[in-house]
Amino acid sequence: VVAAGALQMAQLITDGDTNRPHLFVGL
């Protein structure tokens, strides 16, 4: 994500299920 450039983020999804908790991580 850092290598992709400034102000990029990843979405982390628990067990791959969008009905479970998820965290957007911006770097």
mmCIF file of all heavy atoms, coordinates in Angstrom:
data_MODEL
# 
_entry.id   MODEL 
# 
loop_
_atom_site.group_PDB 
_atom_site.id 
_atom_site.type_symbol 
_atom_site.label_atom_id 
_atom_site.label_alt_id 
_atom_site.label_comp_id 
_atom_site.label_asym_id 
_atom_site.label_entity_id 
_atom_site.label_seq_id 
_atom_site.pdbx_PDB_ins_code 
_atom_site.Cartn_x 
_atom_site.Cartn_y 
_atom_site.Cartn_z 
_atom_site.occupancy 
_atom_site.B_iso_or_equiv 
_atom_site.pdbx_formal_charge 
_atom_site.auth_seq_id 
_atom_site.auth_comp_id 
_atom_site.auth_asym_id 
_atom_site.auth_atom_id 
_atom_site.pdbx_PDB_model_num 
ATOM 1   N N   . VAL A 1 1  ? 0.843   -1.200  0.000  1.00 0.00 ? 1  VAL A N   1 
ATOM 2   C CA  . VAL A 1 1  ? 0.000   0.000   0.000  1.00 0.00 ? 1  VAL A CA  1 
ATOM 3   C C   . VAL A 1 1  ? 0.878   1.250   0.000  1.00 0.00 ? 1  VAL A C   1 
ATOM 4   O O   . VAL A 1 1  ? 0.630   2.194   -0.747 1.00 0.00 ? 1  VAL A O   1 
ATOM 5   C CB  . VAL A 1 1  ? -0.974  -0.002  1.201  1.00 0.00 ? 1  VAL A CB  1 
ATOM 6   C CG1 . VAL A 1 1  ? -1.717  1.330   1.312  1.00 0.00 ? 1  VAL A CG1 1 
ATOM 7   C CG2 . VAL A 1 1  ? -1.961  -1.158  1.078  1.00 0.00 ? 1  VAL A CG2 1 
ATOM 8   N N   . VAL A 1 2  ? 1.918   1.245   0.810  1.00 0.00 ? 2  VAL A N   1 
ATOM 9   C CA  . VAL A 1 2  ? 2.848   2.377   0.841  1.00 0.00 ? 2  VAL A CA  1 
ATOM 10  C C   . VAL A 1 2  ? 3.501   2.556   -0.526 1.00 0.00 ? 2  VAL A C   1 
ATOM 11  O O   . VAL A 1 2  ? 3.608   3.672   -1.043 1.00 0.00 ? 2  VAL A O   1 
ATOM 12  C CB  . VAL A 1 2  ? 3.922   2.180   1.936  1.00 0.00 ? 2  VAL A CB  1 
ATOM 13  C CG1 . VAL A 1 2  ? 5.036   3.207   1.802  1.00 0.00 ? 2  VAL A CG1 1 
ATOM 14  C CG2 . VAL A 1 2  ? 3.284   2.246   3.320  1.00 0.00 ? 2  VAL A CG2 1 
ATOM 15  N N   . ALA A 1 3  ? 3.909   1.454   -1.146 1.00 0.00 ? 3  ALA A N   1 
ATOM 16  C CA  . ALA A 1 3  ? 4.568   1.522   -2.454 1.00 0.00 ? 3  ALA A CA  1 
ATOM 17  C C   . ALA A 1 3  ? 3.636   2.049   -3.540 1.00 0.00 ? 3  ALA A C   1 
ATOM 18  O O   . ALA A 1 3  ? 4.100   2.615   -4.532 1.00 0.00 ? 3  ALA A O   1 
ATOM 19  C CB  . ALA A 1 3  ? 5.106   0.145   -2.845 1.00 0.00 ? 3  ALA A CB  1 
ATOM 20  N N   . ALA A 1 4  ? 2.322   1.895   -3.358 1.00 0.00 ? 4  ALA A N   1 
ATOM 21  C CA  . ALA A 1 4  ? 1.356   2.374   -4.351 1.00 0.00 ? 4  ALA A CA  1 
ATOM 22  C C   . ALA A 1 4  ? 1.272   3.890   -4.383 1.00 0.00 ? 4  ALA A C   1 
ATOM 23  O O   . ALA A 1 4  ? 0.752   4.466   -5.337 1.00 0.00 ? 4  ALA A O   1 
ATOM 24  C CB  . ALA A 1 4  ? -0.021  1.776   -4.082 1.00 0.00 ? 4  ALA A CB  1 
ATOM 25  N N   . GLY A 1 5  ? 1.773   4.556   -3.359 1.00 0.00 ? 5  GLY A N   1 
ATOM 26  C CA  . GLY A 1 5  ? 1.775   6.016   -3.345 1.00 0.00 ? 5  GLY A CA  1 
ATOM 27  C C   . GLY A 1 5  ? 1.055   6.572   -2.137 1.00 0.00 ? 5  GLY A C   1 
ATOM 28  O O   . GLY A 1 5  ? 0.367   5.856   -1.406 1.00 0.00 ? 5  GLY A O   1 
ATOM 29  N N   . ALA A 1 6  ? 1.216   7.866   -1.932 1.00 0.00 ? 6  ALA A N   1 
ATOM 30  C CA  . ALA A 1 6  ? 0.627   8.541   -0.779 1.00 0.00 ? 6  ALA A CA  1 
ATOM 31  C C   . ALA A 1 6  ? -0.890  8.473   -0.810 1.00 0.00 ? 6  ALA A C   1 
ATOM 32  O O   . ALA A 1 6  ? -1.507  8.410   -1.873 1.00 0.00 ? 6  ALA A O   1 
ATOM 33  C CB  . ALA A 1 6  ? 1.088   9.991   -0.736 1.00 0.00 ? 6  ALA A CB  1 
ATOM 34  N N   . LEU A 1 7  ? -1.451  8.469   0.374  1.00 0.00 ? 7  LEU A N   1 
ATOM 35  C CA  . LEU A 1 7  ? -2.900  8.553   0.576  1.00 0.00 ? 7  LEU A CA  1 
ATOM 36  C C   . LEU A 1 7  ? -3.665  7.331   0.055  1.00 0.00 ? 7  LEU A C   1 
ATOM 37  O O   . LEU A 1 7  ? -4.845  7.421   -0.270 1.00 0.00 ? 7  LEU A O   1 
ATOM 38  C CB  . LEU A 1 7  ? -3.464  9.834   -0.043 1.00 0.00 ? 7  LEU A CB  1 
ATOM 39  C CG  . LEU A 1 7  ? -2.860  11.124  0.499  1.00 0.00 ? 7  LEU A CG  1 
ATOM 40  C CD1 . LEU A 1 7  ? -3.282  12.304  -0.357 1.00 0.00 ? 7  LEU A CD1 1 
ATOM 41  C CD2 . LEU A 1 7  ? -3.257  11.345  1.950  1.00 0.00 ? 7  LEU A CD2 1 
ATOM 42  N N   . GLN A 1 8  ? -3.008  6.185   0.000  1.00 0.00 ? 8  GLN A N   1 
ATOM 43  C CA  . GLN A 1 8  ? -3.667  4.949   -0.425 1.00 0.00 ? 8  GLN A CA  1 
ATOM 44  C C   . GLN A 1 8  ? -4.152  4.178   0.792  1.00 0.00 ? 8  GLN A C   1 
ATOM 45  O O   . GLN A 1 8  ? -3.633  4.332   1.893  1.00 0.00 ? 8  GLN A O   1 
ATOM 46  C CB  . GLN A 1 8  ? -2.703  4.072   -1.222 1.00 0.00 ? 8  GLN A CB  1 
ATOM 47  C CG  . GLN A 1 8  ? -2.346  4.642   -2.569 1.00 0.00 ? 8  GLN A CG  1 
ATOM 48  C CD  . GLN A 1 8  ? -3.554  4.697   -3.496 1.00 0.00 ? 8  GLN A CD  1 
ATOM 49  O OE1 . GLN A 1 8  ? -4.286  3.721   -3.655 1.00 0.00 ? 8  GLN A OE1 1 
ATOM 50  N NE2 . GLN A 1 8  ? -3.765  5.846   -4.102 1.00 0.00 ? 8  GLN A NE2 1 
ATOM 51  N N   . MET A 1 9  ? -5.148  3.321   0.591  1.00 0.00 ? 9  MET A N   1 
ATOM 52  C CA  . MET A 1 9  ? -5.619  2.506   1.689  1.00 0.00 ? 9  MET A CA  1 
ATOM 53  C C   . MET A 1 9  ? -5.929  1.095   1.257  1.00 0.00 ? 9  MET A C   1 
ATOM 54  O O   . MET A 1 9  ? -6.072  0.807   0.070  1.00 0.00 ? 9  MET A O   1 
ATOM 55  C CB  . MET A 1 9  ? -6.825  3.087   2.403  1.00 0.00 ? 9  MET A CB  1 
ATOM 56  C CG  . MET A 1 9  ? -7.780  3.879   1.667  1.00 0.00 ? 9  MET A CG  1 
ATOM 57  S SD  . MET A 1 9  ? -9.009  4.554   2.794  1.00 0.00 ? 9  MET A SD  1 
ATOM 58  C CE  . MET A 1 9  ? -10.387 4.286   1.740  1.00 0.00 ? 9  MET A CE  1 
ATOM 59  N N   . ALA A 1 10 ? -5.993  0.242   2.263  1.00 0.00 ? 10 ALA A N   1 
ATOM 60  C CA  . ALA A 1 10 ? -6.393  -1.145  2.078  1.00 0.00 ? 10 ALA A CA  1 
ATOM 61  C C   . ALA A 1 10 ? -7.649  -1.376  2.900  1.00 0.00 ? 10 ALA A C   1 
ATOM 62  O O   . ALA A 1 10 ? -7.830  -0.762  3.954  1.00 0.00 ? 10 ALA A O   1 
ATOM 63  C CB  . ALA A 1 10 ? -5.287  -2.088  2.558  1.00 0.00 ? 10 ALA A CB  1 
ATOM 64  N N   . GLN A 1 11 ? -8.494  -2.261  2.408  1.00 0.00 ? 11 GLN A N   1 
ATOM 65  C CA  . GLN A 1 11 ? -9.651  -2.688  3.176  1.00 0.00 ? 11 GLN A CA  1 
ATOM 66  C C   . GLN A 1 11 ? -9.366  -4.105  3.651  1.00 0.00 ? 11 GLN A C   1 
ATOM 67  O O   . GLN A 1 11 ? -9.099  -4.994  2.842  1.00 0.00 ? 11 GLN A O   1 
ATOM 68  C CB  . GLN A 1 11 ? -10.926 -2.660  2.332  1.00 0.00 ? 11 GLN A CB  1 
ATOM 69  C CG  . GLN A 1 11 ? -12.157 -3.075  3.132  1.00 0.00 ? 11 GLN A CG  1 
ATOM 70  C CD  . GLN A 1 11 ? -13.423 -3.077  2.292  1.00 0.00 ? 11 GLN A CD  1 
ATOM 71  O OE1 . GLN A 1 11 ? -13.366 -3.190  1.071  1.00 0.00 ? 11 GLN A OE1 1 
ATOM 72  N NE2 . GLN A 1 11 ? -14.555 -2.963  2.945  1.00 0.00 ? 11 GLN A NE2 1 
ATOM 73  N N   . LEU A 1 12 ? -9.411  -4.298  4.958  1.00 0.00 ? 12 LEU A N   1 
ATOM 74  C CA  . LEU A 1 12 ? -9.187  -5.605  5.557  1.00 0.00 ? 12 LEU A CA  1 
ATOM 75  C C   . LEU A 1 12 ? -10.539 -6.147  6.011  1.00 0.00 ? 12 LEU A C   1 
ATOM 76  O O   . LEU A 1 12 ? -11.221 -5.512  6.825  1.00 0.00 ? 12 LEU A O   1 
ATOM 77  C CB  . LEU A 1 12 ? -8.230  -5.493  6.745  1.00 0.00 ? 12 LEU A CB  1 
ATOM 78  C CG  . LEU A 1 12 ? -6.910  -4.777  6.475  1.00 0.00 ? 12 LEU A CG  1 
ATOM 79  C CD1 . LEU A 1 12 ? -6.076  -4.707  7.760  1.00 0.00 ? 12 LEU A CD1 1 
ATOM 80  C CD2 . LEU A 1 12 ? -6.134  -5.441  5.354  1.00 0.00 ? 12 LEU A CD2 1 
ATOM 81  N N   . ILE A 1 13 ? -10.918 -7.306  5.482  1.00 0.00 ? 13 ILE A N   1 
ATOM 82  C CA  . ILE A 1 13 ? -12.244 -7.864  5.766  1.00 0.00 ? 13 ILE A CA  1 
ATOM 83  C C   . ILE A 1 13 ? -12.093 -9.193  6.499  1.00 0.00 ? 13 ILE A C   1 
ATOM 84  O O   . ILE A 1 13 ? -11.451 -10.118 6.001  1.00 0.00 ? 13 ILE A O   1 
ATOM 85  C CB  . ILE A 1 13 ? -13.048 -8.069  4.468  1.00 0.00 ? 13 ILE A CB  1 
ATOM 86  C CG1 . ILE A 1 13 ? -13.185 -6.754  3.707  1.00 0.00 ? 13 ILE A CG1 1 
ATOM 87  C CG2 . ILE A 1 13 ? -14.417 -8.663  4.773  1.00 0.00 ? 13 ILE A CG2 1 
ATOM 88  C CD1 . ILE A 1 13 ? -13.839 -6.894  2.352  1.00 0.00 ? 13 ILE A CD1 1 
ATOM 89  N N   . THR A 1 14 ? -12.709 -9.290  7.667  1.00 0.00 ? 14 THR A N   1 
ATOM 90  C CA  . THR A 1 14 ? -12.651 -10.493 8.473  1.00 0.00 ? 14 THR A CA  1 
ATOM 91  C C   . THR A 1 14 ? -13.290 -11.667 7.743  1.00 0.00 ? 14 THR A C   1 
ATOM 92  O O   . THR A 1 14 ? -14.437 -11.585 7.300  1.00 0.00 ? 14 THR A O   1 
ATOM 93  C CB  . THR A 1 14 ? -13.383 -10.275 9.813  1.00 0.00 ? 14 THR A CB  1 
ATOM 94  O OG1 . THR A 1 14 ? -12.882 -9.092  10.422 1.00 0.00 ? 14 THR A OG1 1 
ATOM 95  C CG2 . THR A 1 14 ? -13.195 -11.452 10.740 1.00 0.00 ? 14 THR A CG2 1 
ATOM 96  N N   . ASP A 1 15 ? -12.548 -12.738 7.609  1.00 0.00 ? 15 ASP A N   1 
ATOM 97  C CA  . ASP A 1 15 ? -13.015 -13.968 6.960  1.00 0.00 ? 15 ASP A CA  1 
ATOM 98  C C   . ASP A 1 15 ? -13.560 -13.743 5.555  1.00 0.00 ? 15 ASP A C   1 
ATOM 99  O O   . ASP A 1 15 ? -14.315 -14.573 5.042  1.00 0.00 ? 15 ASP A O   1 
ATOM 100 C CB  . ASP A 1 15 ? -14.067 -14.676 7.822  1.00 0.00 ? 15 ASP A CB  1 
ATOM 101 C CG  . ASP A 1 15 ? -13.501 -15.165 9.140  1.00 0.00 ? 15 ASP A CG  1 
ATOM 102 O OD1 . ASP A 1 15 ? -12.298 -15.478 9.190  1.00 0.00 ? 15 ASP A OD1 1 
ATOM 103 O OD2 . ASP A 1 15 ? -14.256 -15.215 10.133 1.00 0.00 ? 15 ASP A OD2 1 
ATOM 104 N N   . GLY A 1 16 ? -13.230 -12.632 4.945  1.00 0.00 ? 16 GLY A N   1 
ATOM 105 C CA  . GLY A 1 16 ? -13.690 -12.353 3.590  1.00 0.00 ? 16 GLY A CA  1 
ATOM 106 C C   . GLY A 1 16 ? -15.186 -12.109 3.484  1.00 0.00 ? 16 GLY A C   1 
ATOM 107 O O   . GLY A 1 16 ? -15.759 -12.134 2.403  1.00 0.00 ? 16 GLY A O   1 
ATOM 108 N N   . ASP A 1 17 ? -15.833 -11.834 4.603  1.00 0.00 ? 17 ASP A N   1 
ATOM 109 C CA  . ASP A 1 17 ? -17.288 -11.670 4.652  1.00 0.00 ? 17 ASP A CA  1 
ATOM 110 C C   . ASP A 1 17 ? -17.603 -10.205 4.946  1.00 0.00 ? 17 ASP A C   1 
ATOM 111 O O   . ASP A 1 17 ? -17.314 -9.715  6.043  1.00 0.00 ? 17 ASP A O   1 
ATOM 112 C CB  . ASP A 1 17 ? -17.851 -12.583 5.745  1.00 0.00 ? 17 ASP A CB  1 
ATOM 113 C CG  . ASP A 1 17 ? -19.357 -12.515 5.876  1.00 0.00 ? 17 ASP A CG  1 
ATOM 114 O OD1 . ASP A 1 17 ? -20.002 -11.641 5.252  1.00 0.00 ? 17 ASP A OD1 1 
ATOM 115 O OD2 . ASP A 1 17 ? -19.903 -13.348 6.620  1.00 0.00 ? 17 ASP A OD2 1 
ATOM 116 N N   . THR A 1 18 ? -18.204 -9.504  3.986  1.00 0.00 ? 18 THR A N   1 
ATOM 117 C CA  . THR A 1 18 ? -18.492 -8.074  4.163  1.00 0.00 ? 18 THR A CA  1 
ATOM 118 C C   . THR A 1 18 ? -19.514 -7.814  5.268  1.00 0.00 ? 18 THR A C   1 
ATOM 119 O O   . THR A 1 18 ? -19.703 -6.665  5.659  1.00 0.00 ? 18 THR A O   1 
ATOM 120 C CB  . THR A 1 18 ? -18.969 -7.425  2.850  1.00 0.00 ? 18 THR A CB  1 
ATOM 121 O OG1 . THR A 1 18 ? -20.108 -8.136  2.378  1.00 0.00 ? 18 THR A OG1 1 
ATOM 122 C CG2 . THR A 1 18 ? -17.862 -7.433  1.819  1.00 0.00 ? 18 THR A CG2 1 
ATOM 123 N N   . ASN A 1 19 ? -20.151 -8.848  5.765  1.00 0.00 ? 19 ASN A N   1 
ATOM 124 C CA  . ASN A 1 19 ? -21.062 -8.690  6.903  1.00 0.00 ? 19 ASN A CA  1 
ATOM 125 C C   . ASN A 1 19 ? -20.346 -8.868  8.240  1.00 0.00 ? 19 ASN A C   1 
ATOM 126 O O   . ASN A 1 19 ? -20.986 -8.875  9.282  1.00 0.00 ? 19 ASN A O   1 
ATOM 127 C CB  . ASN A 1 19 ? -22.228 -9.681  6.803  1.00 0.00 ? 19 ASN A CB  1 
ATOM 128 C CG  . ASN A 1 19 ? -23.133 -9.350  5.645  1.00 0.00 ? 19 ASN A CG  1 
ATOM 129 O OD1 . ASN A 1 19 ? -23.476 -8.193  5.442  1.00 0.00 ? 19 ASN A OD1 1 
ATOM 130 N ND2 . ASN A 1 19 ? -23.487 -10.345 4.872  1.00 0.00 ? 19 ASN A ND2 1 
ATOM 131 N N   . ARG A 1 20 ? -19.032 -9.037  8.182  1.00 0.00 ? 20 ARG A N   1 
ATOM 132 C CA  . ARG A 1 20 ? -18.199 -9.155  9.382  1.00 0.00 ? 20 ARG A CA  1 
ATOM 133 C C   . ARG A 1 20 ? -17.405 -7.857  9.511  1.00 0.00 ? 20 ARG A C   1 
ATOM 134 O O   . ARG A 1 20 ? -17.372 -7.039  8.601  1.00 0.00 ? 20 ARG A O   1 
ATOM 135 C CB  . ARG A 1 20 ? -17.243 -10.349 9.241  1.00 0.00 ? 20 ARG A CB  1 
ATOM 136 C CG  . ARG A 1 20 ? -17.872 -11.711 9.018  1.00 0.00 ? 20 ARG A CG  1 
ATOM 137 C CD  . ARG A 1 20 ? -18.337 -12.424 10.293 1.00 0.00 ? 20 ARG A CD  1 
ATOM 138 N NE  . ARG A 1 20 ? -17.464 -12.317 11.436 1.00 0.00 ? 20 ARG A NE  1 
ATOM 139 C CZ  . ARG A 1 20 ? -16.486 -13.169 11.743 1.00 0.00 ? 20 ARG A CZ  1 
ATOM 140 N NH1 . ARG A 1 20 ? -16.233 -14.216 10.977 1.00 0.00 ? 20 ARG A NH1 1 
ATOM 141 N NH2 . ARG A 1 20 ? -15.767 -12.983 12.828 1.00 0.00 ? 20 ARG A NH2 1 
ATOM 142 N N   . PRO A 1 21 ? -16.735 -7.651  10.634 1.00 0.00 ? 21 PRO A N   1 
ATOM 143 C CA  . PRO A 1 21 ? -15.957 -6.416  10.810 1.00 0.00 ? 21 PRO A CA  1 
ATOM 144 C C   . PRO A 1 21 ? -14.928 -6.205  9.705  1.00 0.00 ? 21 PRO A C   1 
ATOM 145 O O   . PRO A 1 21 ? -14.345 -7.163  9.190  1.00 0.00 ? 21 PRO A O   1 
ATOM 146 C CB  . PRO A 1 21 ? -15.255 -6.637  12.157 1.00 0.00 ? 21 PRO A CB  1 
ATOM 147 C CG  . PRO A 1 21 ? -16.144 -7.593  12.885 1.00 0.00 ? 21 PRO A CG  1 
ATOM 148 C CD  . PRO A 1 21 ? -16.680 -8.504  11.823 1.00 0.00 ? 21 PRO A CD  1 
ATOM 149 N N   . HIS A 1 22 ? -14.731 -4.936  9.361  1.00 0.00 ? 22 HIS A N   1 
ATOM 150 C CA  . HIS A 1 22 ? -13.670 -4.600  8.424  1.00 0.00 ? 22 HIS A CA  1 
ATOM 151 C C   . HIS A 1 22 ? -13.005 -3.286  8.845  1.00 0.00 ? 22 HIS A C   1 
ATOM 152 O O   . HIS A 1 22 ? -13.579 -2.479  9.562  1.00 0.00 ? 22 HIS A O   1 
ATOM 153 C CB  . HIS A 1 22 ? -14.141 -4.572  6.961  1.00 0.00 ? 22 HIS A CB  1 
ATOM 154 C CG  . HIS A 1 22 ? -15.279 -3.664  6.670  1.00 0.00 ? 22 HIS A CG  1 
ATOM 155 N ND1 . HIS A 1 22 ? -16.586 -4.029  6.840  1.00 0.00 ? 22 HIS A ND1 1 
ATOM 156 C CD2 . HIS A 1 22 ? -15.306 -2.404  6.220  1.00 0.00 ? 22 HIS A CD2 1 
ATOM 157 C CE1 . HIS A 1 22 ? -17.377 -3.032  6.494  1.00 0.00 ? 22 HIS A CE1 1 
ATOM 158 N NE2 . HIS A 1 22 ? -16.626 -2.033  6.118  1.00 0.00 ? 22 HIS A NE2 1 
ATOM 159 N N   . LEU A 1 23 ? -11.760 -3.165  8.405  1.00 0.00 ? 23 LEU A N   1 
ATOM 160 C CA  . LEU A 1 23 ? -10.933 -2.030  8.773  1.00 0.00 ? 23 LEU A CA  1 
ATOM 161 C C   . LEU A 1 23 ? -10.306 -1.458  7.519  1.00 0.00 ? 23 LEU A C   1 
ATOM 162 O O   . LEU A 1 23 ? -9.670  -2.176  6.753  1.00 0.00 ? 23 LEU A O   1 
ATOM 163 C CB  . LEU A 1 23 ? -9.831  -2.497  9.738  1.00 0.00 ? 23 LEU A CB  1 
ATOM 164 C CG  . LEU A 1 23 ? -8.908  -1.435  10.324 1.00 0.00 ? 23 LEU A CG  1 
ATOM 165 C CD1 . LEU A 1 23 ? -9.659  -0.552  11.328 1.00 0.00 ? 23 LEU A CD1 1 
ATOM 166 C CD2 . LEU A 1 23 ? -7.713  -2.092  11.021 1.00 0.00 ? 23 LEU A CD2 1 
ATOM 167 N N   . PHE A 1 24 ? -10.528 -0.156  7.291  1.00 0.00 ? 24 PHE A N   1 
ATOM 168 C CA  . PHE A 1 24 ? -9.816  0.544   6.231  1.00 0.00 ? 24 PHE A CA  1 
ATOM 169 C C   . PHE A 1 24 ? -8.550  1.117   6.846  1.00 0.00 ? 24 PHE A C   1 
ATOM 170 O O   . PHE A 1 24 ? -8.611  1.794   7.881  1.00 0.00 ? 24 PHE A O   1 
ATOM 171 C CB  . PHE A 1 24 ? -10.655 1.685   5.651  1.00 0.00 ? 24 PHE A CB  1 
ATOM 172 C CG  . PHE A 1 24 ? -11.681 1.247   4.658  1.00 0.00 ? 24 PHE A CG  1 
ATOM 173 C CD1 . PHE A 1 24 ? -12.977 0.987   5.045  1.00 0.00 ? 24 PHE A CD1 1 
ATOM 174 C CD2 . PHE A 1 24 ? -11.351 1.109   3.311  1.00 0.00 ? 24 PHE A CD2 1 
ATOM 175 C CE1 . PHE A 1 24 ? -13.924 0.587   4.130  1.00 0.00 ? 24 PHE A CE1 1 
ATOM 176 C CE2 . PHE A 1 24 ? -12.293 0.712   2.388  1.00 0.00 ? 24 PHE A CE2 1 
ATOM 177 C CZ  . PHE A 1 24 ? -13.591 0.449   2.790  1.00 0.00 ? 24 PHE A CZ  1 
ATOM 178 N N   . VAL A 1 25 ? -7.414  0.845   6.217  1.00 0.00 ? 25 VAL A N   1 
ATOM 179 C CA  . VAL A 1 25 ? -6.114  1.286   6.701  1.00 0.00 ? 25 VAL A CA  1 
ATOM 180 C C   . VAL A 1 25 ? -5.510  2.217   5.654  1.00 0.00 ? 25 VAL A C   1 
ATOM 181 O O   . VAL A 1 25 ? -5.174  1.777   4.561  1.00 0.00 ? 25 VAL A O   1 
ATOM 182 C CB  . VAL A 1 25 ? -5.173  0.081   6.937  1.00 0.00 ? 25 VAL A CB  1 
ATOM 183 C CG1 . VAL A 1 25 ? -3.816  0.549   7.416  1.00 0.00 ? 25 VAL A CG1 1 
ATOM 184 C CG2 . VAL A 1 25 ? -5.799  -0.909  7.904  1.00 0.00 ? 25 VAL A CG2 1 
ATOM 185 N N   . GLY A 1 26 ? -5.401  3.503   5.981  1.00 0.00 ? 26 GLY A N   1 
ATOM 186 C CA  . GLY A 1 26 ? -4.799  4.471   5.075  1.00 0.00 ? 26 GLY A CA  1 
ATOM 187 C C   . GLY A 1 26 ? -3.380  4.773   5.497  1.00 0.00 ? 26 GLY A C   1 
ATOM 188 O O   . GLY A 1 26 ? -3.102  4.902   6.690  1.00 0.00 ? 26 GLY A O   1 
ATOM 189 N N   . LEU A 1 27 ? -2.483  4.870   4.524  1.00 0.00 ? 27 LEU A N   1 
ATOM 190 C CA  . LEU A 1 27 ? -1.074  5.137   4.811  1.00 0.00 ? 27 LEU A CA  1 
ATOM 191 C C   . LEU A 1 27 ? -0.584  6.303   3.969  1.00 0.00 ? 27 LEU A C   1 
ATOM 192 O O   . LEU A 1 27 ? -0.880  6.387   2.781  1.00 0.00 ? 27 LEU A O   1 
ATOM 193 C CB  . LEU A 1 27 ? -0.238  3.889   4.536  1.00 0.00 ? 27 LEU A CB  1 
ATOM 194 C CG  . LEU A 1 27 ? -0.597  2.683   5.413  1.00 0.00 ? 27 LEU A CG  1 
ATOM 195 C CD1 . LEU A 1 27 ? 0.041   1.418   4.876  1.00 0.00 ? 27 LEU A CD1 1 
ATOM 196 C CD2 . LEU A 1 27 ? -0.188  2.935   6.849  1.00 0.00 ? 27 LEU A CD2 1 
# 
